[in-house]
C-alpha atoms as a PDB file:
ATOM      1  CA  UNK A   1      24.385 -46.701 117.799  1.00  0.00           C
ATOM      2  CA  UNK A   2      27.291 -44.358 118.509  1.00  0.00           C
ATOM      3  CA  UNK A   3      30.718 -44.476 116.908  1.00  0.00           C
ATOM      4  CA  UNK A   4      33.653 -43.653 119.169  1.00  0.00           C
ATOM      5  CA  UNK A   5      37.142 -42.939 117.869  1.00  0.00           C
ATOM      6  CA  UNK A   6      40.341 -43.572 119.840  1.00  0.00           C
ATOM      7  CA  UNK A   7      43.771 -42.088 119.163  1.00  0.00           C
ATOM      8  CA  UNK A   8      47.124 -42.287 120.923  1.00  0.00           C
ATOM      9  CA  UNK A   9      49.513 -39.394 120.353  1.00  0.00           C
ATOM     10  CA  UNK A  10      53.038 -38.370 121.324  1.00  0.00           C
ATOM     11  CA  UNK A  11      55.646 -40.766 122.631  1.00  0.00           C
ATOM     12  CA  UNK A  12      54.625 -44.379 123.165  1.00  0.00           C
ATOM     13  CA  UNK A  13      54.023 -45.430 126.738  1.00  0.00           C
ATOM     14  CA  UNK A  14      53.401 -48.658 128.677  1.00  0.00           C
ATOM     15  CA  UNK A  15      49.674 -48.927 129.346  1.00  0.00           C
ATOM     16  CA  UNK A  16      48.329 -47.435 126.114  1.00  0.00           C
ATOM     17  CA  UNK A  17      46.870 -50.746 125.018  1.00  0.00           C
ATOM     18  CA  UNK A  18      45.260 -51.206 128.427  1.00  0.00           C
ATOM     19  CA  UNK A  19      43.399 -47.908 127.940  1.00  0.00           C
ATOM     20  CA  UNK A  20      42.337 -48.852 124.408  1.00  0.00           C
ATOM     21  CA  UNK A  21      41.054 -52.198 125.704  1.00  0.00           C
ATOM     22  CA  UNK A  22      39.097 -50.589 128.557  1.00  0.00           C
ATOM     23  CA  UNK A  23      37.486 -47.926 126.359  1.00  0.00           C
ATOM     24  CA  UNK A  24      36.554 -50.507 123.742  1.00  0.00           C
ATOM     25  CA  UNK A  25      35.167 -53.066 126.192  1.00  0.00           C
ATOM     26  CA  UNK A  26      32.965 -50.486 127.934  1.00  0.00           C
ATOM     27  CA  UNK A  27      31.771 -49.193 124.549  1.00  0.00           C
ATOM     28  CA  UNK A  28      31.034 -52.712 123.279  1.00  0.00           C
ATOM     29  CA  UNK A  29      28.877 -53.303 126.371  1.00  0.00           C
ATOM     30  CA  UNK A  30      26.795 -50.312 125.279  1.00  0.00           C
ATOM     31  CA  UNK A  31      26.610 -51.540 121.679  1.00  0.00           C
ATOM     32  CA  UNK A  32      28.794 -48.688 120.410  1.00  0.00           C
ATOM     33  CA  UNK A  33      31.157 -49.064 117.480  1.00  0.00           C
ATOM     34  CA  UNK A  34      34.825 -48.282 118.106  1.00  0.00           C
ATOM     35  CA  UNK A  35      37.209 -46.836 115.514  1.00  0.00           C
ATOM     36  CA  UNK A  36      40.974 -46.689 115.803  1.00  0.00           C
ATOM     37  CA  UNK A  37      42.648 -43.516 114.531  1.00  0.00           C
ATOM     38  CA  UNK A  38      46.109 -44.378 113.212  1.00  0.00           C
ATOM     39  CA  UNK A  39      49.213 -42.592 114.484  1.00  0.00           C
ATOM     40  CA  UNK A  40      47.693 -39.913 116.666  1.00  0.00           C
ATOM     41  CA  UNK A  41      46.270 -36.775 115.075  1.00  0.00           C
ATOM     42  CA  UNK A  42      47.846 -37.796 111.760  1.00  0.00           C
ATOM     43  CA  UNK A  43      45.104 -40.382 111.324  1.00  0.00           C
ATOM     44  CA  UNK A  44      42.401 -37.716 111.311  1.00  0.00           C
ATOM     45  CA  UNK A  45      44.453 -35.378 109.131  1.00  0.00           C
ATOM     46  CA  UNK A  46      44.993 -38.117 106.527  1.00  0.00           C
ATOM     47  CA  UNK A  47      41.740 -40.037 107.113  1.00  0.00           C
ATOM     48  CA  UNK A  48      43.503 -43.215 108.252  1.00  0.00           C
ATOM     49  CA  UNK A  49      40.903 -44.946 110.388  1.00  0.00           C
ATOM     50  CA  UNK A  50      39.882 -48.560 110.917  1.00  0.00           C
ATOM     51  CA  UNK A  51      37.321 -50.452 112.951  1.00  0.00           C
ATOM     52  CA  UNK A  52      38.319 -51.974 116.271  1.00  0.00           C
ATOM     53  CA  UNK A  53      36.444 -55.124 117.229  1.00  0.00           C
ATOM     54  CA  UNK A  54      36.743 -57.480 120.160  1.00  0.00           C
ATOM     55  CA  UNK A  55      39.340 -59.431 118.183  1.00  0.00           C
ATOM     56  CA  UNK A  56      41.709 -56.455 117.958  1.00  0.00           C
ATOM     57  CA  UNK A  57      41.519 -55.634 121.666  1.00  0.00           C
ATOM     58  CA  UNK A  58      41.714 -59.174 123.022  1.00  0.00           C
ATOM     59  CA  UNK A  59      44.986 -60.040 124.762  1.00  0.00           C
ATOM     60  CA  UNK A  60      46.491 -56.539 124.577  1.00  0.00           C
ATOM     61  CA  UNK A  61      46.339 -55.670 128.295  1.00  0.00           C
ATOM     62  CA  UNK A  62      50.001 -56.616 129.042  1.00  0.00           C
ATOM     63  CA  UNK A  63      51.426 -55.421 125.726  1.00  0.00           C
ATOM     64  CA  UNK A  64      53.629 -52.357 125.501  1.00  0.00           C
ATOM     65  CA  UNK A  65      53.349 -49.798 122.726  1.00  0.00           C
ATOM     66  CA  UNK A  66      50.040 -49.067 121.025  1.00  0.00           C
ATOM     67  CA  UNK A  67      48.166 -51.213 118.506  1.00  0.00           C
ATOM     68  CA  UNK A  68      46.929 -48.124 116.642  1.00  0.00           C
ATOM     69  CA  UNK A  69      50.287 -46.361 116.381  1.00  0.00           C
ATOM     70  CA  UNK A  70      51.359 -42.916 117.483  1.00  0.00           C
ATOM     71  CA  UNK A  71      53.105 -39.795 116.191  1.00  0.00           C
ATOM     72  CA  UNK A  72      53.840 -36.213 117.204  1.00  0.00           C
ATOM     73  CA  UNK A  73      51.599 -34.763 114.501  1.00  0.00           C
ATOM     74  CA  UNK A  74      50.151 -31.340 115.293  1.00  0.00           C
ATOM     75  CA  UNK A  75      47.225 -30.443 112.986  1.00  0.00           C
ATOM     76  CA  UNK A  76      47.646 -26.779 113.917  1.00  0.00           C
ATOM     77  CA  UNK A  77      51.095 -26.832 112.267  1.00  0.00           C
ATOM     78  CA  UNK A  78      49.807 -28.353 109.016  1.00  0.00           C
ATOM     79  CA  UNK A  79      48.166 -26.134 106.403  1.00  0.00           C
ATOM     80  CA  UNK A  80      44.493 -27.024 106.444  1.00  0.00           C
ATOM     81  CA  UNK A  81      45.189 -29.649 109.104  1.00  0.00           C
ATOM     82  CA  UNK A  82      42.413 -28.621 111.494  1.00  0.00           C
ATOM     83  CA  UNK A  83      39.837 -28.491 108.682  1.00  0.00           C
ATOM     84  CA  UNK A  84      40.889 -31.982 107.610  1.00  0.00           C
ATOM     85  CA  UNK A  85      40.509 -33.285 111.162  1.00  0.00           C
ATOM     86  CA  UNK A  86      36.997 -31.875 111.406  1.00  0.00           C
ATOM     87  CA  UNK A  87      35.981 -33.083 107.940  1.00  0.00           C
ATOM     88  CA  UNK A  88      37.284 -36.618 108.367  1.00  0.00           C
ATOM     89  CA  UNK A  89      35.759 -36.838 111.841  1.00  0.00           C
ATOM     90  CA  UNK A  90      32.353 -35.965 110.351  1.00  0.00           C
ATOM     91  CA  UNK A  91      32.756 -38.190 107.269  1.00  0.00           C
ATOM     92  CA  UNK A  92      33.587 -41.165 109.481  1.00  0.00           C
ATOM     93  CA  UNK A  93      30.330 -40.643 111.359  1.00  0.00           C
ATOM     94  CA  UNK A  94      32.115 -40.355 114.687  1.00  0.00           C
ATOM     95  CA  UNK A  95      30.105 -39.156 117.659  1.00  0.00           C
ATOM     96  CA  UNK A  96      33.031 -38.797 120.042  1.00  0.00           C
ATOM     97  CA  UNK A  97      36.787 -39.083 120.282  1.00  0.00           C
ATOM     98  CA  UNK A  98      38.967 -40.384 123.108  1.00  0.00           C
ATOM     99  CA  UNK A  99      42.401 -38.740 122.889  1.00  0.00           C
ATOM    100  CA  UNK A 100      45.121 -40.478 124.896  1.00  0.00           C
ATOM    101  CA  UNK A 101      48.251 -38.393 125.280  1.00  0.00           C
ATOM    102  CA  UNK A 102      50.345 -35.887 127.135  1.00  0.00           C
ATOM    103  CA  UNK A 103      50.497 -32.100 127.159  1.00  0.00           C
ATOM    104  CA  UNK A 104      50.845 -31.788 123.375  1.00  0.00           C
ATOM    105  CA  UNK A 105      48.184 -34.287 122.279  1.00  0.00           C
ATOM    106  CA  UNK A 106      45.710 -33.107 124.897  1.00  0.00           C
ATOM    107  CA  UNK A 107      46.588 -29.485 124.201  1.00  0.00           C
ATOM    108  CA  UNK A 108      45.348 -30.007 120.634  1.00  0.00           C
ATOM    109  CA  UNK A 109      42.232 -31.727 121.999  1.00  0.00           C
ATOM    110  CA  UNK A 110      41.537 -28.791 124.302  1.00  0.00           C
ATOM    111  CA  UNK A 111      41.837 -26.295 121.430  1.00  0.00           C
ATOM    112  CA  UNK A 112      39.621 -28.328 119.120  1.00  0.00           C
ATOM    113  CA  UNK A 113      36.954 -28.569 121.795  1.00  0.00           C
ATOM    114  CA  UNK A 114      37.141 -24.861 122.688  1.00  0.00           C
ATOM    115  CA  UNK A 115      37.276 -23.554 119.112  1.00  0.00           C
ATOM    116  CA  UNK A 116      35.191 -26.118 117.209  1.00  0.00           C
ATOM    117  CA  UNK A 117      33.250 -28.016 119.892  1.00  0.00           C
ATOM    118  CA  UNK A 118      34.820 -31.293 118.824  1.00  0.00           C
ATOM    119  CA  UNK A 119      33.314 -33.926 121.164  1.00  0.00           C
ATOM    120  CA  UNK A 120      36.535 -35.146 122.745  1.00  0.00           C
ATOM    121  CA  UNK A 121      37.590 -36.510 126.126  1.00  0.00           C
ATOM    122  CA  UNK A 122      41.151 -37.053 127.283  1.00  0.00           C
ATOM    123  CA  UNK A 123      43.237 -39.654 129.089  1.00  0.00           C
ATOM    124  CA  UNK A 124      46.539 -38.539 130.704  1.00  0.00           C
ATOM    125  CA  UNK A 125      49.497 -40.427 129.266  1.00  0.00           C
ATOM    126  CA  UNK A 126      53.139 -39.612 129.849  1.00  0.00           C
ATOM    127  CA  UNK A 127      56.019 -41.391 131.502  1.00  0.00           C
ATOM    128  CA  UNK A 128      57.183 -37.932 132.696  1.00  0.00           C
ATOM    129  CA  UNK A 129      54.187 -37.555 135.068  1.00  0.00           C
ATOM    130  CA  UNK A 130      54.103 -33.839 134.251  1.00  0.00           C
ATOM    131  CA  UNK A 131      50.415 -33.294 133.469  1.00  0.00           C
ATOM    132  CA  UNK A 132      48.594 -30.965 135.817  1.00  0.00           C
ATOM    133  CA  UNK A 133      45.298 -31.831 137.514  1.00  0.00           C
ATOM    134  CA  UNK A 134      46.117 -35.500 138.053  1.00  0.00           C
ATOM    135  CA  UNK A 135      48.211 -37.086 140.784  1.00  0.00           C
ATOM    136  CA  UNK A 136      49.777 -39.625 138.437  1.00  0.00           C
ATOM    137  CA  UNK A 137      49.770 -40.454 134.758  1.00  0.00           C
ATOM    138  CA  UNK A 138      49.893 -44.034 133.577  1.00  0.00           C
ATOM    139  CA  UNK A 139      53.263 -45.156 132.219  1.00  0.00           C
ATOM    140  CA  UNK A 140      55.157 -43.315 134.927  1.00  0.00           C
ATOM    141  CA  UNK A 141      55.301 -46.232 137.344  1.00  0.00           C
ATOM    142  CA  UNK A 142      56.722 -48.514 134.649  1.00  0.00           C
ATOM    143  CA  UNK A 143      59.402 -45.996 133.697  1.00  0.00           C
ATOM    144  CA  UNK A 144      60.423 -45.521 137.336  1.00  0.00           C
ATOM    145  CA  UNK A 145      60.568 -49.282 137.833  1.00  0.00           C
ATOM    146  CA  UNK A 146      62.808 -49.729 134.790  1.00  0.00           C
ATOM    147  CA  UNK A 147      65.144 -46.949 135.943  1.00  0.00           C
ATOM    148  CA  UNK A 148      65.284 -48.256 139.502  1.00  0.00           C
ATOM    149  CA  UNK A 149      66.219 -51.731 138.313  1.00  0.00           C
ATOM    150  CA  UNK A 150      68.976 -50.228 136.156  1.00  0.00           C
ATOM    151  CA  UNK A 151      70.339 -48.189 139.083  1.00  0.00           C
ATOM    152  CA  UNK A 152      70.327 -51.307 141.270  1.00  0.00           C
ATOM    153  CA  UNK A 153      72.405 -53.136 138.675  1.00  0.00           C
ATOM    154  CA  UNK A 154      74.813 -50.239 138.240  1.00  0.00           C
ATOM    155  CA  UNK A 155      75.469 -50.160 141.985  1.00  0.00           C
ATOM    156  CA  UNK A 156      77.272 -53.487 141.865  1.00  0.00           C
ATOM    157  CA  UNK A 157      79.505 -52.671 138.903  1.00  0.00           C
ATOM    158  CA  UNK A 158      80.246 -49.180 140.270  1.00  0.00           C
ATOM    159  CA  UNK A 159      81.321 -50.657 143.594  1.00  0.00           C
ATOM    160  CA  UNK A 160      83.420 -53.346 141.943  1.00  0.00           C
ATOM    161  CA  UNK A 161      85.442 -50.800 139.948  1.00  0.00           C
ATOM    162  CA  UNK A 162      85.320 -47.818 142.340  1.00  0.00           C
ATOM    163  CA  UNK A 163      83.658 -45.701 139.687  1.00  0.00           C
ATOM    164  CA  UNK A 164      81.163 -42.888 139.448  1.00  0.00           C
ATOM    165  CA  UNK A 165      78.173 -44.011 137.381  1.00  0.00           C
ATOM    166  CA  UNK A 166      76.064 -41.338 135.673  1.00  0.00           C
ATOM    167  CA  UNK A 167      72.580 -42.509 134.698  1.00  0.00           C
ATOM    168  CA  UNK A 168      70.688 -40.344 132.204  1.00  0.00           C
ATOM    169  CA  UNK A 169      66.908 -40.781 132.359  1.00  0.00           C
ATOM    170  CA  UNK A 170      64.035 -39.172 130.481  1.00  0.00           C
ATOM    171  CA  UNK A 171      62.387 -35.952 131.625  1.00  0.00           C
ATOM    172  CA  UNK A 172      62.213 -33.050 129.181  1.00  0.00           C
ATOM    173  CA  UNK A 173      60.900 -30.331 131.481  1.00  0.00           C
ATOM    174  CA  UNK A 174      60.490 -32.119 134.795  1.00  0.00           C
ATOM    175  CA  UNK A 175      62.524 -34.502 136.922  1.00  0.00           C
ATOM    176  CA  UNK A 176      59.874 -36.846 138.287  1.00  0.00           C
ATOM    177  CA  UNK A 177      61.500 -39.998 136.875  1.00  0.00           C
ATOM    178  CA  UNK A 178      64.953 -38.978 138.109  1.00  0.00           C
ATOM    179  CA  UNK A 179      63.747 -38.088 141.612  1.00  0.00           C
ATOM    180  CA  UNK A 180      61.567 -41.152 142.134  1.00  0.00           C
ATOM    181  CA  UNK A 181      63.996 -43.689 140.679  1.00  0.00           C
ATOM    182  CA  UNK A 182      66.918 -41.926 142.355  1.00  0.00           C
ATOM    183  CA  UNK A 183      65.285 -42.167 145.771  1.00  0.00           C
ATOM    184  CA  UNK A 184      64.273 -45.790 145.188  1.00  0.00           C
ATOM    185  CA  UNK A 185      67.712 -46.711 143.842  1.00  0.00           C
ATOM    186  CA  UNK A 186      69.743 -44.881 146.481  1.00  0.00           C
ATOM    187  CA  UNK A 187      71.365 -42.335 144.172  1.00  0.00           C
ATOM    188  CA  UNK A 188      74.044 -40.092 145.663  1.00  0.00           C
ATOM    189  CA  UNK A 189      73.284 -37.057 143.474  1.00  0.00           C
ATOM    190  CA  UNK A 190      70.131 -36.267 141.472  1.00  0.00           C
ATOM    191  CA  UNK A 191      70.133 -33.444 138.919  1.00  0.00           C
ATOM    192  CA  UNK A 192      66.827 -32.247 137.463  1.00  0.00           C
ATOM    193  CA  UNK A 193      65.531 -29.238 135.484  1.00  0.00           C
ATOM    194  CA  UNK A 194      63.656 -27.767 138.464  1.00  0.00           C
ATOM    195  CA  UNK A 195      66.661 -27.668 140.799  1.00  0.00           C
ATOM    196  CA  UNK A 196      69.677 -25.857 139.371  1.00  0.00           C
ATOM    197  CA  UNK A 197      72.335 -27.697 141.394  1.00  0.00           C
ATOM    198  CA  UNK A 198      75.663 -26.784 139.807  1.00  0.00           C
ATOM    199  CA  UNK A 199      78.261 -29.123 138.368  1.00  0.00           C
ATOM    200  CA  UNK A 200      80.736 -27.782 140.937  1.00  0.00           C
ATOM    201  CA  UNK A 201      78.353 -28.517 143.832  1.00  0.00           C
ATOM    202  CA  UNK A 202      77.755 -32.042 142.567  1.00  0.00           C
ATOM    203  CA  UNK A 203      81.500 -32.651 142.310  1.00  0.00           C
ATOM    204  CA  UNK A 204      82.045 -31.295 145.821  1.00  0.00           C
ATOM    205  CA  UNK A 205      79.485 -33.745 147.122  1.00  0.00           C
ATOM    206  CA  UNK A 206      81.191 -36.647 145.368  1.00  0.00           C
ATOM    207  CA  UNK A 207      84.598 -35.645 146.782  1.00  0.00           C
ATOM    208  CA  UNK A 208      83.213 -35.514 150.329  1.00  0.00           C
ATOM    209  CA  UNK A 209      81.631 -38.911 149.829  1.00  0.00           C
ATOM    210  CA  UNK A 210      84.956 -40.369 148.705  1.00  0.00           C
ATOM    211  CA  UNK A 211      86.748 -38.712 151.621  1.00  0.00           C
ATOM    212  CA  UNK A 212      84.453 -40.678 153.933  1.00  0.00           C
ATOM    213  CA  UNK A 213      85.597 -43.909 152.320  1.00  0.00           C
ATOM    214  CA  UNK A 214      82.788 -44.316 149.775  1.00  0.00           C
ATOM    215  CA  UNK A 215      84.742 -45.196 146.648  1.00  0.00           C
ATOM    216  CA  UNK A 216      81.819 -45.324 144.226  1.00  0.00           C
ATOM    217  CA  UNK A 217      78.844 -43.063 143.504  1.00  0.00           C
ATOM    218  CA  UNK A 218      75.622 -43.020 141.493  1.00  0.00           C
ATOM    219  CA  UNK A 219      74.506 -39.804 139.794  1.00  0.00           C
ATOM    220  CA  UNK A 220      71.038 -39.646 138.192  1.00  0.00           C
ATOM    221  CA  UNK A 221      70.382 -36.822 135.728  1.00  0.00           C
ATOM    222  CA  UNK A 222      67.268 -35.879 133.751  1.00  0.00           C
ATOM    223  CA  UNK A 223      67.781 -35.391 130.018  1.00  0.00           C
ATOM    224  CA  UNK A 224      66.281 -31.908 130.391  1.00  0.00           C
ATOM    225  CA  UNK A 225      68.747 -30.770 133.050  1.00  0.00           C
ATOM    226  CA  UNK A 226      70.797 -27.833 131.803  1.00  0.00           C
ATOM    227  CA  UNK A 227      74.455 -28.044 132.725  1.00  0.00           C
ATOM    228  CA  UNK A 228      74.663 -25.345 135.385  1.00  0.00           C
ATOM    229  CA  UNK A 229      77.821 -23.748 136.765  1.00  0.00           C
ATOM    230  CA  UNK A 230      78.598 -21.567 139.765  1.00  0.00           C
ATOM    231  CA  UNK A 231      79.198 -18.700 137.351  1.00  0.00           C
ATOM    232  CA  UNK A 232      75.505 -18.783 136.417  1.00  0.00           C
ATOM    233  CA  UNK A 233      76.136 -20.226 132.954  1.00  0.00           C
ATOM    234  CA  UNK A 234      73.640 -22.835 131.766  1.00  0.00           C
ATOM    235  CA  UNK A 235      73.950 -25.131 128.747  1.00  0.00           C
ATOM    236  CA  UNK A 236      71.054 -27.118 127.295  1.00  0.00           C
ATOM    237  CA  UNK A 237      72.284 -30.321 125.650  1.00  0.00           C
ATOM    238  CA  UNK A 238      70.442 -31.362 122.491  1.00  0.00           C
ATOM    239  CA  UNK A 239      71.009 -33.933 119.783  1.00  0.00           C
ATOM    240  CA  UNK A 240      69.906 -31.654 116.955  1.00  0.00           C
ATOM    241  CA  UNK A 241      68.668 -28.109 116.474  1.00  0.00           C
ATOM    242  CA  UNK A 242      65.503 -28.993 114.534  1.00  0.00           C
ATOM    243  CA  UNK A 243      62.166 -28.629 116.328  1.00  0.00           C
ATOM    244  CA  UNK A 244      59.257 -31.057 116.141  1.00  0.00           C
ATOM    245  CA  UNK A 245      55.702 -29.927 115.350  1.00  0.00           C
ATOM    246  CA  UNK A 246      55.152 -28.938 118.966  1.00  0.00           C
ATOM    247  CA  UNK A 247      58.312 -26.826 119.135  1.00  0.00           C
ATOM    248  CA  UNK A 248      60.477 -29.293 121.059  1.00  0.00           C
ATOM    249  CA  UNK A 249      64.132 -29.992 120.419  1.00  0.00           C
ATOM    250  CA  UNK A 250      65.451 -33.545 120.586  1.00  0.00           C
ATOM    251  CA  UNK A 251      67.211 -33.867 123.913  1.00  0.00           C
ATOM    252  CA  UNK A 252      69.947 -36.283 124.904  1.00  0.00           C
ATOM    253  CA  UNK A 253      73.633 -36.291 125.709  1.00  0.00           C
ATOM    254  CA  UNK A 254      73.711 -34.414 129.000  1.00  0.00           C
ATOM    255  CA  UNK A 255      74.837 -37.578 130.794  1.00  0.00           C
ATOM    256  CA  UNK A 256      77.935 -37.901 128.624  1.00  0.00           C
ATOM    257  CA  UNK A 257      78.968 -34.274 129.131  1.00  0.00           C
ATOM    258  CA  UNK A 258      78.262 -34.436 132.858  1.00  0.00           C
ATOM    259  CA  UNK A 259      80.359 -37.592 133.208  1.00  0.00           C
ATOM    260  CA  UNK A 260      83.230 -35.861 131.419  1.00  0.00           C
ATOM    261  CA  UNK A 261      82.963 -32.848 133.720  1.00  0.00           C
ATOM    262  CA  UNK A 262      82.953 -35.050 136.839  1.00  0.00           C
ATOM    263  CA  UNK A 263      85.980 -37.053 135.762  1.00  0.00           C
ATOM    264  CA  UNK A 264      87.981 -33.949 134.804  1.00  0.00           C
ATOM    265  CA  UNK A 265      87.119 -32.061 137.991  1.00  0.00           C
ATOM    266  CA  UNK A 266      87.452 -34.895 140.516  1.00  0.00           C
ATOM    267  CA  UNK A 267      89.808 -37.390 138.893  1.00  0.00           C
ATOM    268  CA  UNK A 268      87.330 -40.181 139.638  1.00  0.00           C
ATOM    269  CA  UNK A 269      86.832 -42.710 136.854  1.00  0.00           C
ATOM    270  CA  UNK A 270      83.337 -42.034 135.522  1.00  0.00           C
ATOM    271  CA  UNK A 271      81.040 -43.936 133.159  1.00  0.00           C
ATOM    272  CA  UNK A 272      77.628 -43.048 131.747  1.00  0.00           C
ATOM    273  CA  UNK A 273      74.536 -45.140 131.009  1.00  0.00           C
ATOM    274  CA  UNK A 274      71.745 -43.607 128.907  1.00  0.00           C
ATOM    275  CA  UNK A 275      68.534 -45.554 129.466  1.00  0.00           C
ATOM    276  CA  UNK A 276      66.690 -43.856 126.611  1.00  0.00           C
ATOM    277  CA  UNK A 277      63.666 -45.514 125.074  1.00  0.00           C
ATOM    278  CA  UNK A 278      63.974 -48.653 127.178  1.00  0.00           C
ATOM    279  CA  UNK A 279      61.986 -46.594 129.719  1.00  0.00           C
ATOM    280  CA  UNK A 280      59.057 -46.472 127.295  1.00  0.00           C
ATOM    281  CA  UNK A 281      59.143 -50.056 126.122  1.00  0.00           C
ATOM    282  CA  UNK A 282      57.950 -53.396 127.356  1.00  0.00           C
ATOM    283  CA  UNK A 283      55.044 -54.554 129.432  1.00  0.00           C
ATOM    284  CA  UNK A 284      53.450 -52.111 131.912  1.00  0.00           C
ATOM    285  CA  UNK A 285      53.645 -52.748 135.633  1.00  0.00           C
ATOM    286  CA  UNK A 286      50.583 -54.013 137.485  1.00  0.00           C
ATOM    287  CA  UNK A 287      49.977 -50.502 138.862  1.00  0.00           C
ATOM    288  CA  UNK A 288      50.017 -48.978 135.380  1.00  0.00           C
ATOM    289  CA  UNK A 289      47.722 -51.692 133.989  1.00  0.00           C
ATOM    290  CA  UNK A 290      45.162 -51.006 136.694  1.00  0.00           C
ATOM    291  CA  UNK A 291      45.449 -47.206 136.430  1.00  0.00           C
ATOM    292  CA  UNK A 292      45.212 -47.272 132.629  1.00  0.00           C
ATOM    293  CA  UNK A 293      42.179 -49.543 132.826  1.00  0.00           C
ATOM    294  CA  UNK A 294      40.413 -47.223 135.277  1.00  0.00           C
ATOM    295  CA  UNK A 295      41.206 -44.213 133.090  1.00  0.00           C
ATOM    296  CA  UNK A 296      39.826 -45.978 130.013  1.00  0.00           C
ATOM    297  CA  UNK A 297      36.568 -46.883 131.724  1.00  0.00           C
ATOM    298  CA  UNK A 298      36.175 -43.305 132.965  1.00  0.00           C
ATOM    299  CA  UNK A 299      36.786 -41.913 129.475  1.00  0.00           C
ATOM    300  CA  UNK A 300      34.146 -44.234 128.022  1.00  0.00           C
ATOM    301  CA  UNK A 301      31.707 -43.134 130.723  1.00  0.00           C
ATOM    302  CA  UNK A 302      32.365 -39.465 129.923  1.00  0.00           C
ATOM    303  CA  UNK A 303      31.577 -40.184 126.273  1.00  0.00           C
ATOM    304  CA  UNK A 304      28.365 -41.986 127.245  1.00  0.00           C
ATOM    305  CA  UNK A 305      27.317 -39.055 129.442  1.00  0.00           C
ATOM    306  CA  UNK A 306      28.189 -36.503 126.761  1.00  0.00           C
ATOM    307  CA  UNK A 307      30.627 -34.725 129.073  1.00  0.00           C
ATOM    308  CA  UNK A 308      33.135 -33.563 126.518  1.00  0.00           C
ATOM    309  CA  UNK A 309      36.156 -31.320 127.011  1.00  0.00           C
ATOM    310  CA  UNK A 310      37.037 -33.323 130.116  1.00  0.00           C
ATOM    311  CA  UNK A 311      39.963 -35.580 131.070  1.00  0.00           C
ATOM    312  CA  UNK A 312      40.054 -38.594 133.363  1.00  0.00           C
ATOM    313  CA  UNK A 313      42.282 -37.917 136.374  1.00  0.00           C
ATOM    314  CA  UNK A 314      43.489 -39.522 139.587  1.00  0.00           C
ATOM    315  CA  UNK A 315      42.850 -37.632 142.838  1.00  0.00           C
ATOM    316  CA  UNK A 316      43.988 -39.651 145.808  1.00  0.00           C
ATOM    317  CA  UNK A 317      42.603 -43.080 144.966  1.00  0.00           C
ATOM    318  CA  UNK A 318      39.552 -41.789 143.104  1.00  0.00           C
ATOM    319  CA  UNK A 319      39.168 -41.490 139.336  1.00  0.00           C
ATOM    320  CA  UNK A 320      37.521 -38.151 138.622  1.00  0.00           C
ATOM    321  CA  UNK A 321      37.244 -35.813 135.644  1.00  0.00           C
ATOM    322  CA  UNK A 322      38.808 -32.398 135.133  1.00  0.00           C
ATOM    323  CA  UNK A 323      38.670 -29.978 132.230  1.00  0.00           C
ATOM    324  CA  UNK A 324      41.209 -30.350 129.448  1.00  0.00           C
ATOM    325  CA  UNK A 325      41.996 -26.659 129.850  1.00  0.00           C
ATOM    326  CA  UNK A 326      42.916 -27.171 133.492  1.00  0.00           C
ATOM    327  CA  UNK A 327      44.903 -30.319 132.702  1.00  0.00           C
ATOM    328  CA  UNK A 328      47.056 -28.629 130.058  1.00  0.00           C
ATOM    329  CA  UNK A 329      47.350 -25.141 131.551  1.00  0.00           C
ATOM    330  CA  UNK A 330      50.788 -25.744 133.051  1.00  0.00           C
ATOM    331  CA  UNK A 331      53.263 -28.523 133.665  1.00  0.00           C
ATOM    332  CA  UNK A 332      53.387 -30.294 136.996  1.00  0.00           C
ATOM    333  CA  UNK A 333      56.963 -29.833 138.164  1.00  0.00           C
ATOM    334  CA  UNK A 334      58.791 -31.504 141.042  1.00  0.00           C
ATOM    335  CA  UNK A 335      58.165 -29.420 144.184  1.00  0.00           C
ATOM    336  CA  UNK A 336      61.025 -28.540 146.492  1.00  0.00           C
ATOM    337  CA  UNK A 337      59.801 -30.814 149.291  1.00  0.00           C
ATOM    338  CA  UNK A 338      60.077 -33.864 147.056  1.00  0.00           C
ATOM    339  CA  UNK A 339      63.595 -32.872 146.060  1.00  0.00           C
ATOM    340  CA  UNK A 340      64.497 -32.420 149.712  1.00  0.00           C
ATOM    341  CA  UNK A 341      63.537 -36.056 150.318  1.00  0.00           C
ATOM    342  CA  UNK A 342      66.087 -37.031 147.686  1.00  0.00           C
ATOM    343  CA  UNK A 343      68.700 -34.539 148.911  1.00  0.00           C
ATOM    344  CA  UNK A 344      68.566 -36.025 152.416  1.00  0.00           C
ATOM    345  CA  UNK A 345      70.475 -39.030 151.081  1.00  0.00           C
ATOM    346  CA  UNK A 346      72.993 -37.252 148.841  1.00  0.00           C
ATOM    347  CA  UNK A 347      76.503 -38.372 149.587  1.00  0.00           C
END
């Protein structure tokens, strides 16, 4: 009988429980034991593990969040952290580990496999959809749906008051959520990290729109967009200077500053809505439930076949496996052709 551990790391994401359920159900069919690792890599650093049975994974398919908890713990930033992970993994009698996470969580998994041959497989989780080697990550569709619904609602209040509405969405390094929800919601300007459209250019577009009789506008901005000016100056907006264990600052606030710039430069009354963690919460969409389930089954199959160091991925409509190294080598950014689709409807 094999013992398979499961951990969820990084930010929470709709669909995590669907993956846990799929991995567990496939493992139970093979008479494997399943162990939940609490709060991401922290659980293996601190030896916080518990058995998962059919009772724990029953009824969790539509639930948001993760039943085993998550954190941004990086064992490589903790003195003796890697040794503790390896020791507790061995002491627990684990034969394999399924790591569900984004670039940071899976980056740790890739290093542990390469340096210590830890038997680990990965599942791509991030609402930002920025993992390489997979067409889509689960959680992304839910986040885009939430943002699109919010933009739809803001349209009516913007039109009623003849206002500019700035909507700040998540996206640390990439603008996938902003572009997709902006296209779906009919945004008039979309500002993302990959495309350095300036504040002045955005304001010019809003003025031209108003000159044509459009008295309201919707601007969607990624939290990772740096305020960019025609002079070449760029300003990253953060909530605090402290870095997390993966070297990231806490972003947020660019929407407020952008709204202030727009109002001062154009004279148009401007309001801001920051969607924040509502994008991560709640029940996953049907698409994310299905995708997460397929990923979980693939991960369990990789464990059964002993094909470690791999990650489940979506290519077209097929679930395949790719190496963790390939998956975490670089971020998947929004290409210019996707942004041009959005730009076609600016103004």
